[in-house]
Amino acid sequence: MSSRLVATAAATVLLVALAGCANDEPATPAAPTTETPSATVPSNDPRMNLVGSWRADEANWTVHFAEDGTFTEDFEGNVDFRRGTYRVEDEIVFLEGDDGETSEGELSGETINFKLGMLERL
């Protein structure tokens, strides 16, 4: 009978120890993040300087630069005339259009000088 008592006591101690490991509180969900996945351009990226609309009045041409590295062009009254991606390297802006053409313009402060015309920030 004493071995039965020892086994029961050991089982009780084991159950109490395991019960102490359990956590009755629900897991706290992770705090929501306001950061968008890698689609957002880092603030130190030179593309951030371009975000917004730029216009060349003489050419009737407007380029809309998005934060995600894409652009759309309005040309001579045609809205969304061309789309694509853009990048900046050593103060040169490259517009890589969905038409397979790439335009290059020199970034200087609030202007970008392309062959088609000089864009100014709106």
N, C-alpha and C. Protein backbone atom coordinates (compact mmCIF):
# COMPACT_ATOMS: atom_id res chain seq x y z
N MET A 1 0.81 -1.18 0.00
CA MET A 1 0.00 0.00 0.00
C MET A 1 0.86 1.25 0.00
N SER A 2 1.99 1.20 0.63
CA SER A 2 2.83 2.38 0.65
C SER A 2 3.38 2.72 -0.73
N SER A 3 3.61 1.74 -1.60
CA SER A 3 4.08 2.05 -2.96
C SER A 3 2.98 2.74 -3.77
N ARG A 4 1.72 2.33 -3.47
CA ARG A 4 0.61 3.00 -4.13
C ARG A 4 0.52 4.45 -3.67
N LEU A 5 0.74 4.72 -2.43
CA LEU A 5 0.71 6.06 -1.87
C LEU A 5 1.83 6.90 -2.46
N VAL A 6 3.01 6.33 -2.58
CA VAL A 6 4.15 7.04 -3.17
C VAL A 6 3.85 7.37 -4.63
N ALA A 7 3.29 6.44 -5.40
CA ALA A 7 2.96 6.66 -6.81
C ALA A 7 1.90 7.75 -6.95
N THR A 8 0.89 7.72 -6.08
CA THR A 8 -0.17 8.73 -6.12
C THR A 8 0.40 10.11 -5.78
N ALA A 9 1.26 10.17 -4.77
CA ALA A 9 1.88 11.45 -4.39
C ALA A 9 2.75 11.98 -5.53
N ALA A 10 3.51 11.10 -6.17
CA ALA A 10 4.37 11.51 -7.29
C ALA A 10 3.53 12.03 -8.45
N ALA A 11 2.43 11.33 -8.75
CA ALA A 11 1.54 11.76 -9.83
C ALA A 11 0.92 13.11 -9.51
N THR A 12 0.54 13.30 -8.27
CA THR A 12 -0.06 14.57 -7.85
C THR A 12 0.94 15.71 -7.98
N VAL A 13 2.16 15.48 -7.53
CA VAL A 13 3.21 16.51 -7.64
C VAL A 13 3.46 16.85 -9.10
N LEU A 14 3.51 15.83 -9.97
CA LEU A 14 3.73 16.04 -11.40
C LEU A 14 2.59 16.84 -12.01
N LEU A 15 1.35 16.53 -11.69
CA LEU A 15 0.20 17.27 -12.22
C LEU A 15 0.19 18.72 -11.74
N VAL A 16 0.52 18.94 -10.48
CA VAL A 16 0.57 20.30 -9.95
C VAL A 16 1.66 21.10 -10.66
N ALA A 17 2.80 20.47 -10.89
CA ALA A 17 3.90 21.15 -11.58
C ALA A 17 3.51 21.51 -13.01
N LEU A 18 2.88 20.59 -13.71
CA LEU A 18 2.45 20.86 -15.08
C LEU A 18 1.37 21.93 -15.12
N ALA A 19 0.46 21.92 -14.16
CA ALA A 19 -0.60 22.92 -14.10
C ALA A 19 -0.01 24.31 -13.87
N GLY A 20 1.07 24.39 -13.14
CA GLY A 20 1.72 25.67 -12.87
C GLY A 20 2.35 26.27 -14.12
N CYS A 21 2.65 25.42 -15.10
CA CYS A 21 3.26 25.90 -16.34
C CYS A 21 2.24 26.49 -17.29
N ALA A 22 0.97 26.17 -17.09
CA ALA A 22 -0.07 26.66 -17.99
C ALA A 22 -0.31 28.13 -17.75
N ASN A 23 -0.66 28.86 -18.80
CA ASN A 23 -0.93 30.28 -18.72
C ASN A 23 -2.40 30.50 -19.03
N ASP A 24 -3.16 30.99 -18.05
CA ASP A 24 -4.59 31.19 -18.25
C ASP A 24 -4.90 32.44 -19.06
N GLU A 25 -3.93 33.36 -19.20
CA GLU A 25 -4.17 34.60 -19.94
C GLU A 25 -4.09 34.34 -21.44
N PRO A 26 -5.00 34.94 -22.21
CA PRO A 26 -4.91 34.76 -23.66
C PRO A 26 -3.67 35.46 -24.21
N ALA A 27 -3.15 34.93 -25.27
CA ALA A 27 -1.97 35.53 -25.90
C ALA A 27 -2.33 36.91 -26.41
N THR A 28 -1.45 37.86 -26.19
CA THR A 28 -1.66 39.21 -26.66
C THR A 28 -1.32 39.27 -28.14
N PRO A 29 -2.26 39.72 -28.98
CA PRO A 29 -1.95 39.79 -30.41
C PRO A 29 -0.87 40.83 -30.67
N ALA A 30 -0.10 40.63 -31.72
CA ALA A 30 0.95 41.58 -32.08
C ALA A 30 0.31 42.92 -32.43
N ALA A 31 0.97 43.97 -32.04
CA ALA A 31 0.46 45.30 -32.34
C ALA A 31 0.44 45.51 -33.85
N PRO A 32 -0.62 46.11 -34.37
CA PRO A 32 -0.67 46.33 -35.81
C PRO A 32 0.44 47.29 -36.24
N THR A 33 0.97 47.04 -37.40
CA THR A 33 2.03 47.90 -37.92
C THR A 33 1.46 48.87 -38.93
N THR A 34 1.97 50.06 -38.95
CA THR A 34 1.52 51.05 -39.92
C THR A 34 2.42 51.04 -41.15
N GLU A 35 3.45 50.25 -41.12
CA GLU A 35 4.39 50.21 -42.22
C GLU A 35 3.88 49.28 -43.31
N THR A 36 3.89 49.75 -44.53
CA THR A 36 3.48 48.93 -45.67
C THR A 36 4.66 48.06 -46.06
N PRO A 37 4.40 46.84 -46.53
CA PRO A 37 5.53 46.01 -46.97
C PRO A 37 6.37 46.71 -48.01
N SER A 38 7.40 46.11 -48.46
CA SER A 38 8.43 46.72 -49.27
C SER A 38 7.96 47.57 -50.44
N ALA A 39 6.64 47.70 -50.66
CA ALA A 39 6.17 48.56 -51.73
C ALA A 39 6.47 50.02 -51.43
N THR A 40 6.60 50.38 -50.17
CA THR A 40 6.88 51.76 -49.80
C THR A 40 8.36 52.05 -49.99
N VAL A 41 8.62 53.21 -50.57
CA VAL A 41 9.99 53.62 -50.82
C VAL A 41 10.56 54.22 -49.53
N PRO A 42 11.76 53.82 -49.10
CA PRO A 42 12.35 54.40 -47.89
C PRO A 42 12.51 55.91 -48.04
N SER A 43 12.40 56.63 -46.92
CA SER A 43 12.45 58.09 -46.97
C SER A 43 13.79 58.63 -47.46
N ASN A 44 14.86 57.85 -47.37
CA ASN A 44 16.15 58.33 -47.86
C ASN A 44 16.37 57.98 -49.32
N ASP A 45 15.40 57.33 -49.96
CA ASP A 45 15.49 56.97 -51.37
C ASP A 45 15.27 58.23 -52.21
N PRO A 46 16.10 58.46 -53.24
CA PRO A 46 15.94 59.67 -54.05
C PRO A 46 14.60 59.76 -54.76
N ARG A 47 13.90 58.62 -54.92
CA ARG A 47 12.58 58.66 -55.55
C ARG A 47 11.59 59.44 -54.72
N MET A 48 11.79 59.48 -53.39
CA MET A 48 10.85 60.21 -52.54
C MET A 48 10.82 61.68 -52.90
N ASN A 49 11.92 62.21 -53.41
CA ASN A 49 11.96 63.62 -53.80
C ASN A 49 11.07 63.91 -54.99
N LEU A 50 10.69 62.88 -55.75
CA LEU A 50 9.89 63.07 -56.96
C LEU A 50 8.40 62.90 -56.74
N VAL A 51 7.99 62.25 -55.69
CA VAL A 51 6.58 61.90 -55.49
C VAL A 51 5.71 63.14 -55.64
N GLY A 52 4.71 63.00 -56.51
CA GLY A 52 3.80 64.11 -56.81
C GLY A 52 3.72 64.34 -58.30
N SER A 53 3.15 65.46 -58.70
CA SER A 53 2.97 65.77 -60.12
C SER A 53 3.94 66.84 -60.56
N TRP A 54 4.46 66.67 -61.78
CA TRP A 54 5.40 67.59 -62.40
C TRP A 54 4.87 67.92 -63.80
N ARG A 55 5.03 69.17 -64.24
CA ARG A 55 4.43 69.59 -65.52
C ARG A 55 5.40 70.42 -66.35
N ALA A 56 5.31 70.19 -67.68
CA ALA A 56 5.99 71.02 -68.68
C ALA A 56 4.88 71.66 -69.51
N ASP A 57 4.57 72.94 -69.23
CA ASP A 57 3.46 73.61 -69.89
C ASP A 57 3.63 73.66 -71.41
N GLU A 58 4.83 74.01 -71.88
CA GLU A 58 5.05 74.15 -73.33
C GLU A 58 4.78 72.85 -74.07
N ALA A 59 5.10 71.72 -73.46
CA ALA A 59 4.89 70.42 -74.11
C ALA A 59 3.52 69.83 -73.79
N ASN A 60 2.74 70.51 -72.93
CA ASN A 60 1.45 70.00 -72.46
C ASN A 60 1.62 68.56 -71.96
N TRP A 61 2.55 68.43 -71.03
CA TRP A 61 2.99 67.11 -70.54
C TRP A 61 3.06 67.14 -69.02
N THR A 62 2.44 66.18 -68.37
CA THR A 62 2.47 66.06 -66.92
C THR A 62 2.86 64.64 -66.56
N VAL A 63 3.76 64.52 -65.59
CA VAL A 63 4.17 63.21 -65.09
C VAL A 63 3.79 63.15 -63.62
N HIS A 64 3.11 62.06 -63.26
CA HIS A 64 2.69 61.82 -61.88
C HIS A 64 3.55 60.69 -61.32
N PHE A 65 4.42 61.03 -60.36
CA PHE A 65 5.30 60.05 -59.73
C PHE A 65 4.66 59.51 -58.46
N ALA A 66 4.53 58.21 -58.36
CA ALA A 66 3.94 57.57 -57.18
C ALA A 66 5.05 57.11 -56.24
N GLU A 67 4.69 56.95 -54.99
CA GLU A 67 5.62 56.54 -53.94
C GLU A 67 6.19 55.14 -54.18
N ASP A 68 5.44 54.30 -54.88
CA ASP A 68 5.87 52.91 -55.10
C ASP A 68 6.83 52.74 -56.27
N GLY A 69 7.29 53.84 -56.88
CA GLY A 69 8.25 53.75 -57.98
C GLY A 69 7.60 53.65 -59.36
N THR A 70 6.30 53.92 -59.44
CA THR A 70 5.63 53.92 -60.73
C THR A 70 5.28 55.35 -61.13
N PHE A 71 4.99 55.53 -62.44
CA PHE A 71 4.58 56.85 -62.92
C PHE A 71 3.49 56.68 -63.95
N THR A 72 2.74 57.76 -64.17
CA THR A 72 1.81 57.87 -65.29
C THR A 72 2.07 59.23 -65.93
N GLU A 73 1.87 59.28 -67.24
CA GLU A 73 2.05 60.52 -67.98
C GLU A 73 0.73 60.94 -68.63
N ASP A 74 0.46 62.22 -68.58
CA ASP A 74 -0.63 62.82 -69.36
C ASP A 74 0.06 63.64 -70.44
N PHE A 75 -0.37 63.47 -71.71
CA PHE A 75 0.31 64.16 -72.80
C PHE A 75 -0.71 64.69 -73.79
N GLU A 76 -0.67 65.99 -74.03
CA GLU A 76 -1.54 66.68 -74.97
C GLU A 76 -3.01 66.30 -74.78
N GLY A 77 -3.45 66.32 -73.54
CA GLY A 77 -4.84 66.05 -73.21
C GLY A 77 -5.18 64.58 -73.04
N ASN A 78 -4.26 63.69 -73.33
CA ASN A 78 -4.49 62.26 -73.14
C ASN A 78 -4.05 61.85 -71.75
N VAL A 79 -5.03 61.57 -70.89
CA VAL A 79 -4.75 61.19 -69.51
C VAL A 79 -4.26 59.73 -69.50
N ASP A 80 -3.28 59.46 -68.68
CA ASP A 80 -2.66 58.13 -68.59
C ASP A 80 -2.15 57.67 -69.95
N PHE A 81 -1.53 58.58 -70.67
CA PHE A 81 -0.98 58.31 -72.00
C PHE A 81 0.05 57.18 -71.97
N ARG A 82 0.87 57.20 -70.90
CA ARG A 82 1.91 56.17 -70.76
C ARG A 82 2.10 55.89 -69.28
N ARG A 83 2.44 54.65 -68.97
CA ARG A 83 2.70 54.22 -67.59
C ARG A 83 4.04 53.52 -67.54
N GLY A 84 4.55 53.33 -66.34
CA GLY A 84 5.78 52.57 -66.19
C GLY A 84 6.37 52.73 -64.80
N THR A 85 7.66 52.47 -64.73
CA THR A 85 8.39 52.62 -63.47
C THR A 85 9.47 53.67 -63.66
N TYR A 86 9.90 54.23 -62.54
CA TYR A 86 10.99 55.20 -62.61
C TYR A 86 12.05 54.87 -61.57
N ARG A 87 13.23 55.37 -61.85
CA ARG A 87 14.34 55.23 -60.90
C ARG A 87 15.21 56.46 -61.04
N VAL A 88 16.01 56.71 -60.01
CA VAL A 88 16.93 57.85 -59.99
C VAL A 88 18.32 57.33 -59.71
N GLU A 89 19.26 57.70 -60.57
CA GLU A 89 20.67 57.34 -60.38
C GLU A 89 21.51 58.57 -60.67
N ASP A 90 22.28 59.00 -59.70
CA ASP A 90 23.19 60.14 -59.87
C ASP A 90 22.49 61.34 -60.50
N GLU A 91 21.34 61.71 -59.93
CA GLU A 91 20.55 62.87 -60.36
C GLU A 91 19.98 62.74 -61.78
N ILE A 92 19.95 61.53 -62.32
CA ILE A 92 19.30 61.27 -63.60
C ILE A 92 18.04 60.46 -63.32
N VAL A 93 16.91 60.94 -63.84
CA VAL A 93 15.64 60.25 -63.68
C VAL A 93 15.39 59.42 -64.94
N PHE A 94 15.13 58.14 -64.74
CA PHE A 94 14.84 57.23 -65.84
C PHE A 94 13.36 56.85 -65.78
N LEU A 95 12.63 57.15 -66.85
CA LEU A 95 11.24 56.75 -66.98
C LEU A 95 11.22 55.54 -67.91
N GLU A 96 10.95 54.38 -67.35
CA GLU A 96 10.92 53.14 -68.12
C GLU A 96 9.46 52.81 -68.39
N GLY A 97 9.00 53.15 -69.60
CA GLY A 97 7.59 53.02 -69.93
C GLY A 97 7.17 51.62 -70.29
N ASP A 98 5.85 51.40 -70.16
CA ASP A 98 5.30 50.10 -70.53
C ASP A 98 5.33 49.89 -72.04
N ASP A 99 5.72 50.93 -72.79
CA ASP A 99 5.86 50.84 -74.23
C ASP A 99 7.26 50.38 -74.65
N GLY A 100 8.12 50.11 -73.66
CA GLY A 100 9.47 49.66 -73.96
C GLY A 100 10.47 50.80 -74.11
N GLU A 101 10.02 52.03 -74.08
CA GLU A 101 10.90 53.19 -74.22
C GLU A 101 11.35 53.69 -72.85
N THR A 102 12.59 54.17 -72.80
CA THR A 102 13.12 54.77 -71.57
C THR A 102 13.52 56.21 -71.87
N SER A 103 13.02 57.13 -71.06
CA SER A 103 13.37 58.54 -71.18
C SER A 103 14.28 58.90 -70.02
N GLU A 104 15.25 59.78 -70.28
CA GLU A 104 16.17 60.22 -69.24
C GLU A 104 16.07 61.72 -69.08
N GLY A 105 16.04 62.16 -67.82
CA GLY A 105 16.01 63.58 -67.52
C GLY A 105 16.91 63.91 -66.36
N GLU A 106 17.49 65.10 -66.40
CA GLU A 106 18.40 65.52 -65.34
C GLU A 106 17.63 66.26 -64.26
N LEU A 107 17.74 65.75 -63.04
CA LEU A 107 17.07 66.33 -61.89
C LEU A 107 17.92 67.46 -61.32
N SER A 108 17.30 68.62 -61.17
CA SER A 108 17.99 69.78 -60.61
C SER A 108 16.99 70.56 -59.76
N GLY A 109 17.02 70.30 -58.46
CA GLY A 109 16.11 71.00 -57.54
C GLY A 109 14.67 70.68 -57.84
N GLU A 110 13.90 71.68 -58.25
CA GLU A 110 12.48 71.52 -58.52
C GLU A 110 12.18 71.36 -60.00
N THR A 111 13.18 70.99 -60.81
CA THR A 111 12.97 70.76 -62.23
C THR A 111 13.64 69.45 -62.66
N ILE A 112 13.09 68.87 -63.73
CA ILE A 112 13.71 67.71 -64.38
C ILE A 112 13.73 68.03 -65.86
N ASN A 113 14.92 68.09 -66.44
CA ASN A 113 15.07 68.49 -67.82
C ASN A 113 15.15 67.26 -68.73
N PHE A 114 14.09 67.02 -69.50
CA PHE A 114 14.02 65.95 -70.49
C PHE A 114 14.11 66.57 -71.88
N LYS A 115 14.36 65.76 -72.90
CA LYS A 115 14.36 66.26 -74.27
C LYS A 115 12.99 66.83 -74.64
N LEU A 116 11.92 66.21 -74.16
CA LEU A 116 10.57 66.65 -74.47
C LEU A 116 10.23 67.99 -73.83
N GLY A 117 10.85 68.30 -72.70
CA GLY A 117 10.57 69.55 -72.01
C GLY A 117 11.06 69.52 -70.57
N MET A 118 11.02 70.67 -69.94
CA MET A 118 11.46 70.78 -68.55
C MET A 118 10.25 70.67 -67.62
N LEU A 119 10.22 69.61 -66.83
CA LEU A 119 9.15 69.42 -65.86
C LEU A 119 9.42 70.26 -64.63
N GLU A 120 8.38 70.89 -64.13
CA GLU A 120 8.46 71.64 -62.88
C GLU A 120 7.44 71.06 -61.92
N ARG A 121 7.84 70.98 -60.64
CA ARG A 121 6.94 70.44 -59.62
C ARG A 121 5.71 71.31 -59.49
N LEU A 122 4.55 70.65 -59.44
CA LEU A 122 3.28 71.39 -59.23
C LEU A 122 3.03 71.59 -57.75
